[in-house]
Amino acid sequence: MASETPPQNLENWADRFEQSGWLGRAALLGGGAVRVTANLLDKALDRAAKTVVDAEQAFRGELDPNVSDAKIIEEIEEPRKRR
């Protein structure tokens, strides 16, 4: 897989970095930054999706069919005190 880089490939990357000019080094570093950013976004989205699923399951698990929705019986408006 691409995420499991063998040591030989790392050595090739290091060799390419050392042999490259400033433009090649910038491209290699930019590619690495894009890869790291993509991995972070992927993990953040996975975690957010898992949180949503867990919250939904917790909400559904706590619903009690014997309890009805809350109803407002009476509203009382109290006069506001002036300071």
PDB file of N, CA and C in Angstrom:
ATOM      1  N   MET A   1       0.841  -1.185   0.000  1.00  0.00           N
ATOM      2  CA  MET A   1       0.000   0.000   0.000  1.00  0.00           C
ATOM      3  C   MET A   1       0.885   1.248   0.000  1.00  0.00           C
ATOM      4  N   ALA A   2       0.311   2.359  -0.382  1.00  0.00           N
ATOM      5  CA  ALA A   2       1.068   3.603  -0.467  1.00  0.00           C
ATOM      6  C   ALA A   2       1.423   4.142   0.918  1.00  0.00           C
ATOM      7  N   SER A   3       0.555   3.897   1.916  1.00  0.00           N
ATOM      8  CA  SER A   3       0.831   4.435   3.247  1.00  0.00           C
ATOM      9  C   SER A   3       1.924   3.652   3.963  1.00  0.00           C
ATOM     10  N   GLU A   4       2.161   2.395   3.559  1.00  0.00           N
ATOM     11  CA  GLU A   4       3.202   1.588   4.168  1.00  0.00           C
ATOM     12  C   GLU A   4       4.437   1.633   3.276  1.00  0.00           C
ATOM     13  N   THR A   5       5.276   2.623   3.499  1.00  0.00           N
ATOM     14  CA  THR A   5       6.445   2.824   2.661  1.00  0.00           C
ATOM     15  C   THR A   5       7.598   1.975   3.176  1.00  0.00           C
ATOM     16  N   PRO A   6       8.141   1.085   2.357  1.00  0.00           N
ATOM     17  CA  PRO A   6       9.277   0.287   2.812  1.00  0.00           C
ATOM     18  C   PRO A   6      10.522   1.155   2.967  1.00  0.00           C
ATOM     19  N   PRO A   7      11.496   0.707   3.770  1.00  0.00           N
ATOM     20  CA  PRO A   7      12.713   1.510   3.985  1.00  0.00           C
ATOM     21  C   PRO A   7      13.460   1.814   2.693  1.00  0.00           C
ATOM     22  N   GLN A   8      13.453   0.896   1.737  1.00  0.00           N
ATOM     23  CA  GLN A   8      14.154   1.123   0.477  1.00  0.00           C
ATOM     24  C   GLN A   8      13.573   2.345  -0.240  1.00  0.00           C
ATOM     25  N   ASN A   9      12.248   2.477  -0.225  1.00  0.00           N
ATOM     26  CA  ASN A   9      11.609   3.615  -0.882  1.00  0.00           C
ATOM     27  C   ASN A   9      11.960   4.916  -0.170  1.00  0.00           C
ATOM     28  N   LEU A  10      12.093   4.854   1.154  1.00  0.00           N
ATOM     29  CA  LEU A  10      12.491   6.052   1.896  1.00  0.00           C
ATOM     30  C   LEU A  10      13.902   6.481   1.516  1.00  0.00           C
ATOM     31  N   GLU A  11      14.778   5.512   1.344  1.00  0.00           N
ATOM     32  CA  GLU A  11      16.148   5.841   0.950  1.00  0.00           C
ATOM     33  C   GLU A  11      16.159   6.466  -0.443  1.00  0.00           C
ATOM     34  N   ASN A  12      15.335   5.947  -1.329  1.00  0.00           N
ATOM     35  CA  ASN A  12      15.254   6.529  -2.672  1.00  0.00           C
ATOM     36  C   ASN A  12      14.750   7.965  -2.602  1.00  0.00           C
ATOM     37  N   TRP A  13      13.786   8.226  -1.734  1.00  0.00           N
ATOM     38  CA  TRP A  13      13.252   9.577  -1.594  1.00  0.00           C
ATOM     39  C   TRP A  13      14.339  10.507  -1.069  1.00  0.00           C
ATOM     40  N   ALA A  14      15.087  10.015  -0.067  1.00  0.00           N
ATOM     41  CA  ALA A  14      16.165  10.834   0.501  1.00  0.00           C
ATOM     42  C   ALA A  14      17.247  11.092  -0.541  1.00  0.00           C
ATOM     43  N   ASP A  15      17.567  10.073  -1.333  1.00  0.00           N
ATOM     44  CA  ASP A  15      18.565  10.254  -2.393  1.00  0.00           C
ATOM     45  C   ASP A  15      18.076  11.258  -3.431  1.00  0.00           C
ATOM     46  N   ARG A  16      16.824  11.110  -3.823  1.00  0.00           N
ATOM     47  CA  ARG A  16      16.273  12.053  -4.804  1.00  0.00           C
ATOM     48  C   ARG A  16      16.283  13.472  -4.256  1.00  0.00           C
ATOM     49  N   PHE A  17      15.959  13.611  -2.954  1.00  0.00           N
ATOM     50  CA  PHE A  17      15.944  14.939  -2.335  1.00  0.00           C
ATOM     51  C   PHE A  17      17.344  15.551  -2.350  1.00  0.00           C
ATOM     52  N   GLU A  18      18.340  14.751  -1.982  1.00  0.00           N
ATOM     53  CA  GLU A  18      19.707  15.257  -1.941  1.00  0.00           C
ATOM     54  C   GLU A  18      20.237  15.607  -3.327  1.00  0.00           C
ATOM     55  N   GLN A  19      19.838  14.862  -4.338  1.00  0.00           N
ATOM     56  CA  GLN A  19      20.340  15.082  -5.687  1.00  0.00           C
ATOM     57  C   GLN A  19      19.565  16.157  -6.442  1.00  0.00           C
ATOM     58  N   SER A  20      18.402  16.518  -5.930  1.00  0.00           N
ATOM     59  CA  SER A  20      17.564  17.502  -6.623  1.00  0.00           C
ATOM     60  C   SER A  20      18.066  18.916  -6.381  1.00  0.00           C
ATOM     61  N   GLY A  21      17.704  19.766  -7.306  1.00  0.00           N
ATOM     62  CA  GLY A  21      17.976  21.190  -7.128  1.00  0.00           C
ATOM     63  C   GLY A  21      16.910  21.800  -6.246  1.00  0.00           C
ATOM     64  N   TRP A  22      16.921  23.110  -6.138  1.00  0.00           N
ATOM     65  CA  TRP A  22      15.965  23.776  -5.251  1.00  0.00           C
ATOM     66  C   TRP A  22      14.529  23.585  -5.721  1.00  0.00           C
ATOM     67  N   LEU A  23      14.293  23.538  -7.021  1.00  0.00           N
ATOM     68  CA  LEU A  23      12.934  23.344  -7.537  1.00  0.00           C
ATOM     69  C   LEU A  23      12.449  21.919  -7.265  1.00  0.00           C
ATOM     70  N   GLY A  24      13.312  20.943  -7.455  1.00  0.00           N
ATOM     71  CA  GLY A  24      12.954  19.548  -7.173  1.00  0.00           C
ATOM     72  C   GLY A  24      12.688  19.331  -5.690  1.00  0.00           C
ATOM     73  N   ARG A  25      13.498  19.959  -4.849  1.00  0.00           N
ATOM     74  CA  ARG A  25      13.283  19.839  -3.400  1.00  0.00           C
ATOM     75  C   ARG A  25      11.953  20.472  -2.994  1.00  0.00           C
ATOM     76  N   ALA A  26      11.658  21.611  -3.612  1.00  0.00           N
ATOM     77  CA  ALA A  26      10.378  22.269  -3.306  1.00  0.00           C
ATOM     78  C   ALA A  26       9.214  21.379  -3.720  1.00  0.00           C
ATOM     79  N   ALA A  27       9.339  20.725  -4.876  1.00  0.00           N
ATOM     80  CA  ALA A  27       8.283  19.829  -5.344  1.00  0.00           C
ATOM     81  C   ALA A  27       8.136  18.623  -4.424  1.00  0.00           C
ATOM     82  N   LEU A  28       9.247  18.044  -3.995  1.00  0.00           N
ATOM     83  CA  LEU A  28       9.189  16.892  -3.090  1.00  0.00           C
ATOM     84  C   LEU A  28       8.570  17.278  -1.744  1.00  0.00           C
ATOM     85  N   LEU A  29       8.986  18.423  -1.205  1.00  0.00           N
ATOM     86  CA  LEU A  29       8.420  18.879   0.065  1.00  0.00           C
ATOM     87  C   LEU A  29       6.941  19.231  -0.078  1.00  0.00           C
ATOM     88  N   GLY A  30       6.574  19.858  -1.197  1.00  0.00           N
ATOM     89  CA  GLY A  30       5.166  20.192  -1.437  1.00  0.00           C
ATOM     90  C   GLY A  30       4.313  18.942  -1.546  1.00  0.00           C
ATOM     91  N   GLY A  31       4.831  17.923  -2.244  1.00  0.00           N
ATOM     92  CA  GLY A  31       4.097  16.660  -2.349  1.00  0.00           C
ATOM     93  C   GLY A  31       3.925  16.001  -0.995  1.00  0.00           C
ATOM     94  N   GLY A  32       4.967  16.058  -0.182  1.00  0.00           N
ATOM     95  CA  GLY A  32       4.865  15.496   1.169  1.00  0.00           C
ATOM     96  C   GLY A  32       3.856  16.240   2.017  1.00  0.00           C
ATOM     97  N   ALA A  33       3.843  17.565   1.880  1.00  0.00           N
ATOM     98  CA  ALA A  33       2.885  18.366   2.647  1.00  0.00           C
ATOM     99  C   ALA A  33       1.451  18.056   2.211  1.00  0.00           C
ATOM    100  N   VAL A  34       1.246  17.885   0.919  1.00  0.00           N
ATOM    101  CA  VAL A  34      -0.096  17.543   0.423  1.00  0.00           C
ATOM    102  C   VAL A  34      -0.518  16.178   0.952  1.00  0.00           C
ATOM    103  N   ARG A  35       0.409  15.230   0.955  1.00  0.00           N
ATOM    104  CA  ARG A  35       0.098  13.880   1.448  1.00  0.00           C
ATOM    105  C   ARG A  35      -0.270  13.916   2.935  1.00  0.00           C
ATOM    106  N   VAL A  36       0.506  14.660   3.724  1.00  0.00           N
ATOM    107  CA  VAL A  36       0.230  14.759   5.163  1.00  0.00           C
ATOM    108  C   VAL A  36      -1.119  15.438   5.405  1.00  0.00           C
ATOM    109  N   THR A  37      -1.389  16.509   4.663  1.00  0.00           N
ATOM    110  CA  THR A  37      -2.656  17.214   4.817  1.00  0.00           C
ATOM    111  C   THR A  37      -3.831  16.325   4.445  1.00  0.00           C
ATOM    112  N   ALA A  38      -3.699  15.574   3.364  1.00  0.00           N
ATOM    113  CA  ALA A  38      -4.773  14.671   2.947  1.00  0.00           C
ATOM    114  C   ALA A  38      -5.019  13.599   4.004  1.00  0.00           C
ATOM    115  N   ASN A  39      -3.959  13.059   4.578  1.00  0.00           N
ATOM    116  CA  ASN A  39      -4.128  12.053   5.629  1.00  0.00           C
ATOM    117  C   ASN A  39      -4.801  12.643   6.861  1.00  0.00           C
ATOM    118  N   LEU A  40      -4.426  13.854   7.244  1.00  0.00           N
ATOM    119  CA  LEU A  40      -5.053  14.496   8.405  1.00  0.00           C
ATOM    120  C   LEU A  40      -6.534  14.763   8.166  1.00  0.00           C
ATOM    121  N   LEU A  41      -6.866  15.251   6.969  1.00  0.00           N
ATOM    122  CA  LEU A  41      -8.277  15.488   6.644  1.00  0.00           C
ATOM    123  C   LEU A  41      -9.068  14.183   6.648  1.00  0.00           C
ATOM    124  N   ASP A  42      -8.488  13.137   6.107  1.00  0.00           N
ATOM    125  CA  ASP A  42      -9.161  11.841   6.069  1.00  0.00           C
ATOM    126  C   ASP A  42      -9.447  11.341   7.479  1.00  0.00           C
ATOM    127  N   LYS A  43      -8.454  11.443   8.355  1.00  0.00           N
ATOM    128  CA  LYS A  43      -8.643  10.989   9.736  1.00  0.00           C
ATOM    129  C   LYS A  43      -9.652  11.859  10.477  1.00  0.00           C
ATOM    130  N   ALA A  44      -9.632  13.176  10.227  1.00  0.00           N
ATOM    131  CA  ALA A  44     -10.587  14.071  10.881  1.00  0.00           C
ATOM    132  C   ALA A  44     -12.014  13.763  10.433  1.00  0.00           C
ATOM    133  N   LEU A  45     -12.197  13.515   9.143  1.00  0.00           N
ATOM    134  CA  LEU A  45     -13.537  13.184   8.645  1.00  0.00           C
ATOM    135  C   LEU A  45     -14.007  11.836   9.175  1.00  0.00           C
ATOM    136  N   ASP A  46     -13.109  10.865   9.264  1.00  0.00           N
ATOM    137  CA  ASP A  46     -13.475   9.568   9.834  1.00  0.00           C
ATOM    138  C   ASP A  46     -13.903   9.719  11.292  1.00  0.00           C
ATOM    139  N   ARG A  47     -13.159  10.542  12.031  1.00  0.00           N
ATOM    140  CA  ARG A  47     -13.493  10.739  13.446  1.00  0.00           C
ATOM    141  C   ARG A  47     -14.824  11.475  13.610  1.00  0.00           C
ATOM    142  N   ALA A  48     -15.067  12.471  12.761  1.00  0.00           N
ATOM    143  CA  ALA A  48     -16.337  13.206  12.828  1.00  0.00           C
ATOM    144  C   ALA A  48     -17.504  12.293  12.484  1.00  0.00           C
ATOM    145  N   ALA A  49     -17.342  11.458  11.475  1.00  0.00           N
ATOM    146  CA  ALA A  49     -18.414  10.534  11.104  1.00  0.00           C
ATOM    147  C   ALA A  49     -18.682   9.534  12.224  1.00  0.00           C
ATOM    148  N   LYS A  50     -17.621   9.051  12.858  1.00  0.00           N
ATOM    149  CA  LYS A  50     -17.795   8.106  13.965  1.00  0.00           C
ATOM    150  C   LYS A  50     -18.507   8.783  15.140  1.00  0.00           C
ATOM    151  N   THR A  51     -18.171  10.042  15.400  1.00  0.00           N
ATOM    152  CA  THR A  51     -18.830  10.773  16.485  1.00  0.00           C
ATOM    153  C   THR A  51     -20.314  10.936  16.209  1.00  0.00           C
ATOM    154  N   VAL A  52     -20.665  11.248  14.965  1.00  0.00           N
ATOM    155  CA  VAL A  52     -22.074  11.404  14.602  1.00  0.00           C
ATOM    156  C   VAL A  52     -22.812  10.082  14.770  1.00  0.00           C
ATOM    157  N   VAL A  53     -22.218   8.997  14.314  1.00  0.00           N
ATOM    158  CA  VAL A  53     -22.858   7.686  14.434  1.00  0.00           C
ATOM    159  C   VAL A  53     -23.020   7.303  15.901  1.00  0.00           C
ATOM    160  N   ASP A  54     -21.993   7.532  16.709  1.00  0.00           N
ATOM    161  CA  ASP A  54     -22.069   7.215  18.133  1.00  0.00           C
ATOM    162  C   ASP A  54     -23.132   8.047  18.834  1.00  0.00           C
ATOM    163  N   ALA A  55     -23.228   9.325  18.496  1.00  0.00           N
ATOM    164  CA  ALA A  55     -24.235  10.188  19.106  1.00  0.00           C
ATOM    165  C   ALA A  55     -25.641   9.741  18.712  1.00  0.00           C
ATOM    166  N   GLU A  56     -25.820   9.383  17.459  1.00  0.00           N
ATOM    167  CA  GLU A  56     -27.129   8.907  16.996  1.00  0.00           C
ATOM    168  C   GLU A  56     -27.523   7.616  17.705  1.00  0.00           C
ATOM    169  N   GLN A  57     -26.574   6.693  17.846  1.00  0.00           N
ATOM    170  CA  GLN A  57     -26.863   5.437  18.543  1.00  0.00           C
ATOM    171  C   GLN A  57     -27.179   5.685  20.010  1.00  0.00           C
ATOM    172  N   ALA A  58     -26.465   6.592  20.651  1.00  0.00           N
ATOM    173  CA  ALA A  58     -26.729   6.904  22.053  1.00  0.00           C
ATOM    174  C   ALA A  58     -28.107   7.535  22.204  1.00  0.00           C
ATOM    175  N   PHE A  59     -28.465   8.417  21.276  1.00  0.00           N
ATOM    176  CA  PHE A  59     -29.774   9.058  21.338  1.00  0.00           C
ATOM    177  C   PHE A  59     -30.881   8.028  21.150  1.00  0.00           C
ATOM    178  N   ARG A  60     -30.728   7.184  20.143  1.00  0.00           N
ATOM    179  CA  ARG A  60     -31.753   6.155  19.874  1.00  0.00           C
ATOM    180  C   ARG A  60     -31.847   5.155  21.027  1.00  0.00           C
ATOM    181  N   GLY A  61     -30.733   4.857  21.663  1.00  0.00           N
ATOM    182  CA  GLY A  61     -30.739   3.902  22.761  1.00  0.00           C
ATOM    183  C   GLY A  61     -31.421   4.429  24.015  1.00  0.00           C
ATOM    184  N   GLU A  62     -31.465   5.742  24.173  1.00  0.00           N
ATOM    185  CA  GLU A  62     -32.063   6.336  25.375  1.00  0.00           C
ATOM    186  C   GLU A  62     -33.527   6.703  25.193  1.00  0.00           C
ATOM    187  N   LEU A  63     -34.073   6.529  24.006  1.00  0.00           N
ATOM    188  CA  LEU A  63     -35.488   6.841  23.802  1.00  0.00           C
ATOM    189  C   LEU A  63     -36.347   5.837  24.558  1.00  0.00           C
ATOM    190  N   ASP A  64     -37.333   6.350  25.270  1.00  0.00           N
ATOM    191  CA  ASP A  64     -38.240   5.494  26.028  1.00  0.00           C
ATOM    192  C   ASP A  64     -39.635   5.657  25.438  1.00  0.00           C
ATOM    193  N   PRO A  65     -40.231   4.597  24.909  1.00  0.00           N
ATOM    194  CA  PRO A  65     -41.558   4.727  24.296  1.00  0.00           C
ATOM    195  C   PRO A  65     -42.650   5.055  25.318  1.00  0.00           C
ATOM    196  N   ASN A  66     -42.378   4.863  26.616  1.00  0.00           N
ATOM    197  CA  ASN A  66     -43.374   5.129  27.645  1.00  0.00           C
ATOM    198  C   ASN A  66     -43.400   6.588  28.095  1.00  0.00           C
ATOM    199  N   VAL A  67     -42.442   7.389  27.617  1.00  0.00           N
ATOM    200  CA  VAL A  67     -42.367   8.792  28.011  1.00  0.00           C
ATOM    201  C   VAL A  67     -42.829   9.643  26.835  1.00  0.00           C
ATOM    202  N   SER A  68     -43.821  10.515  27.114  1.00  0.00           N
ATOM    203  CA  SER A  68     -44.306  11.380  26.040  1.00  0.00           C
ATOM    204  C   SER A  68     -43.470  12.655  26.009  1.00  0.00           C
ATOM    205  N   ASP A  69     -43.619  13.404  24.935  1.00  0.00           N
ATOM    206  CA  ASP A  69     -42.886  14.661  24.806  1.00  0.00           C
ATOM    207  C   ASP A  69     -43.345  15.653  25.869  1.00  0.00           C
ATOM    208  N   ALA A  70     -42.461  16.549  26.210  1.00  0.00           N
ATOM    209  CA  ALA A  70     -42.789  17.573  27.203  1.00  0.00           C
ATOM    210  C   ALA A  70     -43.826  18.535  26.633  1.00  0.00           C
ATOM    211  N   LYS A  71     -44.741  18.969  27.493  1.00  0.00           N
ATOM    212  CA  LYS A  71     -45.777  19.920  27.080  1.00  0.00           C
ATOM    213  C   LYS A  71     -45.737  21.123  28.012  1.00  0.00           C
ATOM    214  N   ILE A  72     -45.944  22.286  27.444  1.00  0.00           N
ATOM    215  CA  ILE A  72     -46.014  23.494  28.248  1.00  0.00           C
ATOM    216  C   ILE A  72     -47.431  23.579  28.797  1.00  0.00           C
ATOM    217  N   ILE A  73     -47.540  23.576  30.111  1.00  0.00           N
ATOM    218  CA  ILE A  73     -48.863  23.602  30.743  1.00  0.00           C
ATOM    219  C   ILE A  73     -49.357  25.037  30.857  1.00  0.00           C
ATOM    220  N   GLU A  74     -48.508  25.909  31.332  1.00  0.00           N
ATOM    221  CA  GLU A  74     -48.925  27.292  31.529  1.00  0.00           C
ATOM    222  C   GLU A  74     -47.692  28.184  31.445  1.00  0.00           C
ATOM    223  N   GLU A  75     -47.862  29.322  30.806  1.00  0.00           N
ATOM    224  CA  GLU A  75     -46.782  30.293  30.734  1.00  0.00           C
ATOM    225  C   GLU A  75     -47.143  31.475  31.613  1.00  0.00           C
ATOM    226  N   ILE A  76     -46.214  31.867  32.445  1.00  0.00           N
ATOM    227  CA  ILE A  76     -46.416  33.022  33.312  1.00  0.00           C
ATOM    228  C   ILE A  76     -45.353  34.040  32.963  1.00  0.00           C
ATOM    229  N   GLU A  77     -45.796  35.243  32.706  1.00  0.00           N
ATOM    230  CA  GLU A  77     -44.853  36.300  32.367  1.00  0.00           C
ATOM    231  C   GLU A  77     -44.658  37.167  33.596  1.00  0.00           C
ATOM    232  N   GLU A  78     -43.441  37.211  34.092  1.00  0.00           N
ATOM    233  CA  GLU A  78     -43.123  38.008  35.264  1.00  0.00           C
ATOM    234  C   GLU A  78     -42.656  39.370  34.816  1.00  0.00           C
ATOM    235  N   PRO A  79     -43.079  40.418  35.550  1.00  0.00           N
ATOM    236  CA  PRO A  79     -42.608  41.759  35.186  1.00  0.00           C
ATOM    237  C   PRO A  79     -41.102  41.869  35.445  1.00  0.00           C
ATOM    238  N   ARG A  80     -40.417  42.559  34.560  1.00  0.00           N
ATOM    239  CA  ARG A  80     -38.970  42.718  34.704  1.00  0.00           C
ATOM    240  C   ARG A  80     -38.666  43.829  35.697  1.00  0.00           C
ATOM    241  N   LYS A  81     -37.669  43.598  36.500  1.00  0.00           N
ATOM    242  CA  LYS A  81     -37.270  44.605  37.473  1.00  0.00           C
ATOM    243  C   LYS A  81     -36.328  45.586  36.794  1.00  0.00           C
ATOM    244  N   ARG A  82     -36.515  46.846  37.065  1.00  0.00           N
ATOM    245  CA  ARG A  82     -35.624  47.864  36.525  1.00  0.00           C
ATOM    246  C   ARG A  82     -34.490  48.093  37.493  1.00  0.00           C
ATOM    247  N   ARG A  83     -33.327  48.300  36.968  1.00  0.00           N
ATOM    248  CA  ARG A  83     -32.156  48.499  37.817  1.00  0.00           C
ATOM    249  C   ARG A  83     -31.842  49.946  37.964  1.00  0.00           C
TER     250      ARG A  83
END
